[in-house]
């Protein structure tokens, strides 16, 4: 679903000049941010890169500690899981 901005919200967004607008739902008091789609995509991409780096660092730490399973065993396990999904 894509909602349309009201004229009031559009004017407020343009007035900020920052490409984002903080809005509060008066019923729930939850805060939301209206941001330009490009800014949102850039932020999500940056978050994914950060999460990827953290997962890699955790994997390296586990490997150095002798935890985990050998690569060939992991590949076989992945193959088995993929085949199970197809059936």
PDB file of N, CA and C in Angstrom:
ATOM      1  N   UNK A   1       0.846  -1.184   0.000  1.00  0.00           N
ATOM      2  CA  UNK A   1       0.000   0.000   0.000  1.00  0.00           C
ATOM      3  C   UNK A   1       0.886   1.240   0.000  1.00  0.00           C
ATOM      4  N   UNK A   2       0.537   2.174  -0.810  1.00  0.00           N
ATOM      5  CA  UNK A   2       1.250   3.443  -0.852  1.00  0.00           C
ATOM      6  C   UNK A   2       0.270   4.542  -0.481  1.00  0.00           C
ATOM      7  N   UNK A   3       0.548   5.214   0.626  1.00  0.00           N
ATOM      8  CA  UNK A   3      -0.302   6.323   1.058  1.00  0.00           C
ATOM      9  C   UNK A   3       0.189   7.610   0.414  1.00  0.00           C
ATOM     10  N   UNK A   4      -0.687   8.532   0.233  1.00  0.00           N
ATOM     11  CA  UNK A   4      -0.344   9.838  -0.344  1.00  0.00           C
ATOM     12  C   UNK A   4      -0.177  10.842   0.792  1.00  0.00           C
ATOM     13  N   UNK A   5       0.831  11.696   0.646  1.00  0.00           N
ATOM     14  CA  UNK A   5       1.035  12.752   1.633  1.00  0.00           C
ATOM     15  C   UNK A   5      -0.064  13.800   1.509  1.00  0.00           C
ATOM     16  N   UNK A   6      -0.463  14.320   2.648  1.00  0.00           N
ATOM     17  CA  UNK A   6      -1.402  15.438   2.616  1.00  0.00           C
ATOM     18  C   UNK A   6      -0.620  16.684   2.216  1.00  0.00           C
ATOM     19  N   UNK A   7      -1.332  17.725   1.820  1.00  0.00           N
ATOM     20  CA  UNK A   7      -0.669  18.986   1.464  1.00  0.00           C
ATOM     21  C   UNK A   7       0.098  19.530   2.667  1.00  0.00           C
ATOM     22  N   UNK A   8      -0.471  19.347   3.861  1.00  0.00           N
ATOM     23  CA  UNK A   8       0.175  19.821   5.085  1.00  0.00           C
ATOM     24  C   UNK A   8       1.500  19.101   5.321  1.00  0.00           C
ATOM     25  N   UNK A   9       1.515  17.767   5.150  1.00  0.00           N
ATOM     26  CA  UNK A   9       2.754  17.006   5.340  1.00  0.00           C
ATOM     27  C   UNK A   9       3.782  17.338   4.265  1.00  0.00           C
ATOM     28  N   UNK A  10       3.324  17.500   3.031  1.00  0.00           N
ATOM     29  CA  UNK A  10       4.239  17.863   1.948  1.00  0.00           C
ATOM     30  C   UNK A  10       4.901  19.202   2.238  1.00  0.00           C
ATOM     31  N   UNK A  11       4.117  20.166   2.681  1.00  0.00           N
ATOM     32  CA  UNK A  11       4.668  21.489   3.004  1.00  0.00           C
ATOM     33  C   UNK A  11       5.653  21.394   4.159  1.00  0.00           C
ATOM     34  N   UNK A  12       5.327  20.598   5.169  1.00  0.00           N
ATOM     35  CA  UNK A  12       6.230  20.444   6.315  1.00  0.00           C
ATOM     36  C   UNK A  12       7.523  19.764   5.893  1.00  0.00           C
ATOM     37  N   UNK A  13       7.432  18.776   5.032  1.00  0.00           N
ATOM     38  CA  UNK A  13       8.616  18.069   4.551  1.00  0.00           C
ATOM     39  C   UNK A  13       9.513  19.007   3.756  1.00  0.00           C
ATOM     40  N   UNK A  14       8.923  19.778   2.883  1.00  0.00           N
ATOM     41  CA  UNK A  14       9.700  20.735   2.095  1.00  0.00           C
ATOM     42  C   UNK A  14      10.308  21.819   2.974  1.00  0.00           C
ATOM     43  N   UNK A  15       9.596  22.216   4.015  1.00  0.00           N
ATOM     44  CA  UNK A  15      10.080  23.267   4.915  1.00  0.00           C
ATOM     45  C   UNK A  15      11.306  22.825   5.701  1.00  0.00           C
ATOM     46  N   UNK A  16      11.452  21.528   5.965  1.00  0.00           N
ATOM     47  CA  UNK A  16      12.615  21.077   6.730  1.00  0.00           C
ATOM     48  C   UNK A  16      13.889  21.205   5.923  1.00  0.00           C
ATOM     49  N   UNK A  17      13.776  21.017   4.609  1.00  0.00           N
ATOM     50  CA  UNK A  17      14.955  21.095   3.759  1.00  0.00           C
ATOM     51  C   UNK A  17      15.951  19.981   4.004  1.00  0.00           C
ATOM     52  N   UNK A  18      15.626  19.059   4.898  1.00  0.00           N
ATOM     53  CA  UNK A  18      16.562  17.996   5.269  1.00  0.00           C
ATOM     54  C   UNK A  18      16.224  16.669   4.605  1.00  0.00           C
ATOM     55  N   UNK A  19      15.105  16.614   3.890  1.00  0.00           N
ATOM     56  CA  UNK A  19      14.713  15.369   3.253  1.00  0.00           C
ATOM     57  C   UNK A  19      14.082  14.378   4.202  1.00  0.00           C
ATOM     58  N   UNK A  20      13.787  14.824   5.422  1.00  0.00           N
ATOM     59  CA  UNK A  20      13.103  13.952   6.375  1.00  0.00           C
ATOM     60  C   UNK A  20      12.189  14.779   7.260  1.00  0.00           C
ATOM     61  N   UNK A  21      11.158  14.124   7.762  1.00  0.00           N
ATOM     62  CA  UNK A  21      10.199  14.801   8.621  1.00  0.00           C
ATOM     63  C   UNK A  21       9.768  13.842   9.711  1.00  0.00           C
ATOM     64  N   UNK A  22       9.856  14.264  10.945  1.00  0.00           N
ATOM     65  CA  UNK A  22       9.406  13.463  12.077  1.00  0.00           C
ATOM     66  C   UNK A  22       7.928  13.744  12.303  1.00  0.00           C
ATOM     67  N   UNK A  23       7.123  12.681  12.360  1.00  0.00           N
ATOM     68  CA  UNK A  23       5.688  12.832  12.598  1.00  0.00           C
ATOM     69  C   UNK A  23       5.275  11.921  13.742  1.00  0.00           C
ATOM     70  N   UNK A  24       4.262  12.337  14.488  1.00  0.00           N
ATOM     71  CA  UNK A  24       3.783  11.573  15.633  1.00  0.00           C
ATOM     72  C   UNK A  24       2.319  11.216  15.410  1.00  0.00           C
ATOM     73  N   UNK A  25       2.002   9.950  15.633  1.00  0.00           N
ATOM     74  CA  UNK A  25       0.617   9.495  15.562  1.00  0.00           C
ATOM     75  C   UNK A  25      -0.055   9.950  16.855  1.00  0.00           C
ATOM     76  N   UNK A  26      -1.050  10.823  16.774  1.00  0.00           N
ATOM     77  CA  UNK A  26      -1.666  11.355  17.995  1.00  0.00           C
ATOM     78  C   UNK A  26      -2.388  10.302  18.826  1.00  0.00           C
ATOM     79  N   UNK A  27      -2.807   9.209  18.204  1.00  0.00           N
ATOM     80  CA  UNK A  27      -3.525   8.174  18.958  1.00  0.00           C
ATOM     81  C   UNK A  27      -2.573   7.252  19.721  1.00  0.00           C
ATOM     82  N   UNK A  28      -1.457   6.900  19.107  1.00  0.00           N
ATOM     83  CA  UNK A  28      -0.539   5.935  19.735  1.00  0.00           C
ATOM     84  C   UNK A  28       0.714   6.581  20.307  1.00  0.00           C
ATOM     85  N   UNK A  29       0.958   7.824  19.940  1.00  0.00           N
ATOM     86  CA  UNK A  29       2.164   8.557  20.327  1.00  0.00           C
ATOM     87  C   UNK A  29       3.435   7.943  19.720  1.00  0.00           C
ATOM     88  N   UNK A  30       3.269   7.081  18.726  1.00  0.00           N
ATOM     89  CA  UNK A  30       4.429   6.515  18.032  1.00  0.00           C
ATOM     90  C   UNK A  30       4.992   7.559  17.079  1.00  0.00           C
ATOM     91  N   UNK A  31       6.313   7.582  16.979  1.00  0.00           N
ATOM     92  CA  UNK A  31       6.996   8.522  16.103  1.00  0.00           C
ATOM     93  C   UNK A  31       7.415   7.817  14.824  1.00  0.00           C
ATOM     94  N   UNK A  32       7.223   8.479  13.712  1.00  0.00           N
ATOM     95  CA  UNK A  32       7.605   7.966  12.405  1.00  0.00           C
ATOM     96  C   UNK A  32       8.439   9.019  11.697  1.00  0.00           C
ATOM     97  N   UNK A  33       9.219   8.578  10.731  1.00  0.00           N
ATOM     98  CA  UNK A  33       9.981   9.504   9.911  1.00  0.00           C
ATOM     99  C   UNK A  33       9.577   9.331   8.465  1.00  0.00           C
ATOM    100  N   UNK A  34       9.251  10.425   7.839  1.00  0.00           N
ATOM    101  CA  UNK A  34       8.987  10.441   6.409  1.00  0.00           C
ATOM    102  C   UNK A  34      10.309  10.870   5.774  1.00  0.00           C
ATOM    103  N   UNK A  35      10.876   9.996   4.934  1.00  0.00           N
ATOM    104  CA  UNK A  35      12.154  10.314   4.294  1.00  0.00           C
ATOM    105  C   UNK A  35      12.070  10.055   2.801  1.00  0.00           C
ATOM    106  N   UNK A  36      12.924  10.715   2.081  1.00  0.00           N
ATOM    107  CA  UNK A  36      13.045  10.510   0.649  1.00  0.00           C
ATOM    108  C   UNK A  36      13.448   9.063   0.388  1.00  0.00           C
ATOM    109  N   UNK A  37      12.916   8.459  -0.662  1.00  0.00           N
ATOM    110  CA  UNK A  37      13.177   7.051  -0.966  1.00  0.00           C
ATOM    111  C   UNK A  37      14.663   6.770  -1.153  1.00  0.00           C
ATOM    112  N   UNK A  38      15.402   7.670  -1.788  1.00  0.00           N
ATOM    113  CA  UNK A  38      16.836   7.449  -1.987  1.00  0.00           C
ATOM    114  C   UNK A  38      17.580   7.423  -0.651  1.00  0.00           C
ATOM    115  N   UNK A  39      17.212   8.304   0.255  1.00  0.00           N
ATOM    116  CA  UNK A  39      17.836   8.324   1.581  1.00  0.00           C
ATOM    117  C   UNK A  39      17.532   7.015   2.305  1.00  0.00           C
ATOM    118  N   UNK A  40      16.290   6.562   2.202  1.00  0.00           N
ATOM    119  CA  UNK A  40      15.908   5.308   2.856  1.00  0.00           C
ATOM    120  C   UNK A  40      16.728   4.146   2.300  1.00  0.00           C
ATOM    121  N   UNK A  41      16.839   4.067   0.971  1.00  0.00           N
ATOM    122  CA  UNK A  41      17.610   2.975   0.356  1.00  0.00           C
ATOM    123  C   UNK A  41      19.066   3.016   0.794  1.00  0.00           C
ATOM    124  N   UNK A  42      19.654   4.208   0.830  1.00  0.00           N
ATOM    125  CA  UNK A  42      21.043   4.339   1.256  1.00  0.00           C
ATOM    126  C   UNK A  42      21.218   3.881   2.700  1.00  0.00           C
ATOM    127  N   UNK A  43      20.278   4.251   3.552  1.00  0.00           N
ATOM    128  CA  UNK A  43      20.350   3.851   4.962  1.00  0.00           C
ATOM    129  C   UNK A  43      20.204   2.337   5.108  1.00  0.00           C
ATOM    130  N   UNK A  44      19.284   1.749   4.364  1.00  0.00           N
ATOM    131  CA  UNK A  44      19.095   0.298   4.436  1.00  0.00           C
ATOM    132  C   UNK A  44      20.309  -0.445   3.892  1.00  0.00           C
ATOM    133  N   UNK A  45      20.902   0.058   2.815  1.00  0.00           N
ATOM    134  CA  UNK A  45      22.118  -0.551   2.267  1.00  0.00           C
ATOM    135  C   UNK A  45      23.250  -0.496   3.283  1.00  0.00           C
ATOM    136  N   UNK A  46      23.399   0.648   3.948  1.00  0.00           N
ATOM    137  CA  UNK A  46      24.449   0.799   4.957  1.00  0.00           C
ATOM    138  C   UNK A  46      24.216  -0.155   6.126  1.00  0.00           C
ATOM    139  N   UNK A  47      22.973  -0.301   6.536  1.00  0.00           N
ATOM    140  CA  UNK A  47      22.640  -1.226   7.621  1.00  0.00           C
ATOM    141  C   UNK A  47      22.975  -2.661   7.225  1.00  0.00           C
ATOM    142  N   UNK A  48      22.630  -3.045   6.007  1.00  0.00           N
ATOM    143  CA  UNK A  48      22.944  -4.407   5.529  1.00  0.00           C
ATOM    144  C   UNK A  48      24.448  -4.638   5.499  1.00  0.00           C
ATOM    145  N   UNK A  49      25.211  -3.657   5.029  1.00  0.00           N
ATOM    146  CA  UNK A  49      26.670  -3.804   5.003  1.00  0.00           C
ATOM    147  C   UNK A  49      27.220  -3.966   6.421  1.00  0.00           C
ATOM    148  N   UNK A  50      26.699  -3.190   7.365  1.00  0.00           N
ATOM    149  CA  UNK A  50      27.146  -3.292   8.755  1.00  0.00           C
ATOM    150  C   UNK A  50      26.821  -4.672   9.325  1.00  0.00           C
ATOM    151  N   UNK A  51      25.615  -5.165   9.063  1.00  0.00           N
ATOM    152  CA  UNK A  51      25.226  -6.489   9.561  1.00  0.00           C
ATOM    153  C   UNK A  51      26.081  -7.580   8.921  1.00  0.00           C
ATOM    154  N   UNK A  52      26.395  -7.424   7.635  1.00  0.00           N
ATOM    155  CA  UNK A  52      27.259  -8.396   6.962  1.00  0.00           C
ATOM    156  C   UNK A  52      28.646  -8.421   7.610  1.00  0.00           C
ATOM    157  N   UNK A  53      29.202  -7.229   7.865  1.00  0.00           N
ATOM    158  CA  UNK A  53      30.526  -7.154   8.505  1.00  0.00           C
ATOM    159  C   UNK A  53      30.508  -7.810   9.888  1.00  0.00           C
ATOM    160  N   UNK A  54      29.449  -7.558  10.640  1.00  0.00           N
ATOM    161  CA  UNK A  54      29.342  -8.155  11.976  1.00  0.00           C
ATOM    162  C   UNK A  54      29.247  -9.673  11.890  1.00  0.00           C
ATOM    163  N   UNK A  55      28.490 -10.187  10.925  1.00  0.00           N
ATOM    164  CA  UNK A  55      28.357 -11.641  10.765  1.00  0.00           C
ATOM    165  C   UNK A  55      29.686 -12.257  10.359  1.00  0.00           C
ATOM    166  N   UNK A  56      30.416 -11.587   9.473  1.00  0.00           N
ATOM    167  CA  UNK A  56      31.729 -12.091   9.054  1.00  0.00           C
ATOM    168  C   UNK A  56      32.690 -12.085  10.235  1.00  0.00           C
ATOM    169  N   UNK A  57      32.705 -10.987  10.996  1.00  0.00           N
ATOM    170  CA  UNK A  57      33.598 -10.903  12.159  1.00  0.00           C
ATOM    171  C   UNK A  57      33.269 -11.990  13.174  1.00  0.00           C
ATOM    172  N   UNK A  58      31.985 -12.240  13.391  1.00  0.00           N
ATOM    173  CA  UNK A  58      31.577 -13.292  14.324  1.00  0.00           C
ATOM    174  C   UNK A  58      32.033 -14.650  13.808  1.00  0.00           C
ATOM    175  N   UNK A  59      31.892 -14.891  12.511  1.00  0.00           N
ATOM    176  CA  UNK A  59      32.334 -16.153  11.922  1.00  0.00           C
ATOM    177  C   UNK A  59      33.828 -16.358  12.069  1.00  0.00           C
ATOM    178  N   UNK A  60      34.589 -15.298  11.857  1.00  0.00           N
ATOM    179  CA  UNK A  60      36.045 -15.393  12.011  1.00  0.00           C
ATOM    180  C   UNK A  60      36.406 -15.688  13.460  1.00  0.00           C
ATOM    181  N   UNK A  61      35.746 -15.021  14.397  1.00  0.00           N
ATOM    182  CA  UNK A  61      35.998 -15.259  15.820  1.00  0.00           C
ATOM    183  C   UNK A  61      35.696 -16.701  16.186  1.00  0.00           C
ATOM    184  N   UNK A  62      34.560 -17.217  15.696  1.00  0.00           N
ATOM    185  CA  UNK A  62      34.191 -18.605  15.982  1.00  0.00           C
ATOM    186  C   UNK A  62      35.186 -19.583  15.358  1.00  0.00           C
ATOM    187  N   UNK A  63      35.618 -19.282  14.139  1.00  0.00           N
ATOM    188  CA  UNK A  63      36.579 -20.148  13.460  1.00  0.00           C
ATOM    189  C   UNK A  63      37.904 -20.185  14.225  1.00  0.00           C
ATOM    190  N   UNK A  64      38.369 -19.005  14.635  1.00  0.00           N
ATOM    191  CA  UNK A  64      39.631 -18.931  15.378  1.00  0.00           C
ATOM    192  C   UNK A  64      39.536 -19.642  16.721  1.00  0.00           C
ATOM    193  N   UNK A  65      38.335 -19.735  17.272  1.00  0.00           N
ATOM    194  CA  UNK A  65      38.129 -20.416  18.555  1.00  0.00           C
ATOM    195  C   UNK A  65      37.898 -21.913  18.359  1.00  0.00           C
ATOM    196  N   UNK A  66      37.940 -22.353  17.096  1.00  0.00           N
ATOM    197  CA  UNK A  66      37.747 -23.768  16.828  1.00  0.00           C
ATOM    198  C   UNK A  66      36.297 -24.196  16.824  1.00  0.00           C
ATOM    199  N   UNK A  67      35.397 -23.241  16.759  1.00  0.00           N
ATOM    200  CA  UNK A  67      33.972 -23.549  16.732  1.00  0.00           C
ATOM    201  C   UNK A  67      33.506 -23.690  15.283  1.00  0.00           C
ATOM    202  N   UNK A  68      32.311 -24.146  15.104  1.00  0.00           N
ATOM    203  CA  UNK A  68      31.759 -24.269  13.767  1.00  0.00           C
ATOM    204  C   UNK A  68      32.043 -25.632  13.177  1.00  0.00           C
ATOM    205  N   UNK A  69      31.814 -25.731  11.857  1.00  0.00           N
ATOM    206  CA  UNK A  69      32.029 -27.002  11.170  1.00  0.00           C
ATOM    207  C   UNK A  69      32.914 -26.763   9.948  1.00  0.00           C
ATOM    208  N   UNK A  70      33.594 -27.798   9.459  1.00  0.00           N
ATOM    209  CA  UNK A  70      34.437 -27.637   8.278  1.00  0.00           C
ATOM    210  C   UNK A  70      33.613 -27.214   7.053  1.00  0.00           C
ATOM    211  N   UNK A  71      34.264 -26.568   6.090  1.00  0.00           N
ATOM    212  CA  UNK A  71      33.592 -26.037   4.905  1.00  0.00           C
ATOM    213  C   UNK A  71      32.848 -27.127   4.140  1.00  0.00           C
ATOM    214  N   UNK A  72      33.501 -28.256   3.914  1.00  0.00           N
ATOM    215  CA  UNK A  72      32.840 -29.323   3.163  1.00  0.00           C
ATOM    216  C   UNK A  72      31.586 -29.823   3.870  1.00  0.00           C
ATOM    217  N   UNK A  73      31.651 -29.907   5.172  1.00  0.00           N
ATOM    218  CA  UNK A  73      30.472 -30.334   5.941  1.00  0.00           C
ATOM    219  C   UNK A  73      29.352 -29.289   5.819  1.00  0.00           C
ATOM    220  N   UNK A  74      29.722 -28.015   5.858  1.00  0.00           N
ATOM    221  CA  UNK A  74      28.732 -26.942   5.719  1.00  0.00           C
ATOM    222  C   UNK A  74      28.097 -26.972   4.335  1.00  0.00           C
ATOM    223  N   UNK A  75      28.912 -27.217   3.298  1.00  0.00           N
ATOM    224  CA  UNK A  75      28.371 -27.301   1.938  1.00  0.00           C
ATOM    225  C   UNK A  75      27.387 -28.465   1.807  1.00  0.00           C
ATOM    226  N   UNK A  76      27.755 -29.598   2.363  1.00  0.00           N
ATOM    227  CA  UNK A  76      26.872 -30.770   2.293  1.00  0.00           C
ATOM    228  C   UNK A  76      25.563 -30.494   3.031  1.00  0.00           C
ATOM    229  N   UNK A  77      25.653 -29.871   4.173  1.00  0.00           N
ATOM    230  CA  UNK A  77      24.454 -29.521   4.938  1.00  0.00           C
ATOM    231  C   UNK A  77      23.571 -28.560   4.139  1.00  0.00           C
ATOM    232  N   UNK A  78      24.189 -27.574   3.490  1.00  0.00           N
ATOM    233  CA  UNK A  78      23.435 -26.617   2.672  1.00  0.00           C
ATOM    234  C   UNK A  78      22.762 -27.334   1.506  1.00  0.00           C
ATOM    235  N   UNK A  79      23.492 -28.256   0.841  1.00  0.00           N
ATOM    236  CA  UNK A  79      22.917 -29.032  -0.261  1.00  0.00           C
ATOM    237  C   UNK A  79      21.692 -29.808   0.213  1.00  0.00           C
ATOM    238  N   UNK A  80      21.827 -30.465   1.354  1.00  0.00           N
ATOM    239  CA  UNK A  80      20.719 -31.262   1.899  1.00  0.00           C
ATOM    240  C   UNK A  80      19.504 -30.386   2.188  1.00  0.00           C
ATOM    241  N   UNK A  81      19.744 -29.216   2.750  1.00  0.00           N
ATOM    242  CA  UNK A  81      18.625 -28.312   3.074  1.00  0.00           C
ATOM    243  C   UNK A  81      17.940 -27.806   1.816  1.00  0.00           C
ATOM    244  N   UNK A  82      18.740 -27.489   0.781  1.00  0.00           N
ATOM    245  CA  UNK A  82      18.163 -27.018  -0.471  1.00  0.00           C
ATOM    246  C   UNK A  82      17.339 -28.120  -1.139  1.00  0.00           C
ATOM    247  N   UNK A  83      17.875 -29.336  -1.140  1.00  0.00           N
ATOM    248  CA  UNK A  83      17.135 -30.445  -1.724  1.00  0.00           C
ATOM    249  C   UNK A  83      15.841 -30.725  -0.972  1.00  0.00           C
ATOM    250  N   UNK A  84      15.893 -30.597   0.341  1.00  0.00           N
ATOM    251  CA  UNK A  84      14.693 -30.822   1.149  1.00  0.00           C
ATOM    252  C   UNK A  84      13.617 -29.778   0.826  1.00  0.00           C
ATOM    253  N   UNK A  85      14.009 -28.554   0.513  1.00  0.00           N
ATOM    254  CA  UNK A  85      13.048 -27.507   0.166  1.00  0.00           C
ATOM    255  C   UNK A  85      12.359 -27.808  -1.161  1.00  0.00           C
ATOM    256  N   UNK A  86      13.115 -28.393  -2.085  1.00  0.00           N
ATOM    257  CA  UNK A  86      12.559 -28.692  -3.408  1.00  0.00           C
ATOM    258  C   UNK A  86      11.532 -29.816  -3.363  1.00  0.00           C
ATOM    259  N   UNK A  87      11.596 -30.664  -2.372  1.00  0.00           N
ATOM    260  CA  UNK A  87      10.690 -31.811  -2.301  1.00  0.00           C
ATOM    261  C   UNK A  87       9.412 -31.499  -1.578  1.00  0.00           C
TER     262      UNK A  87
END
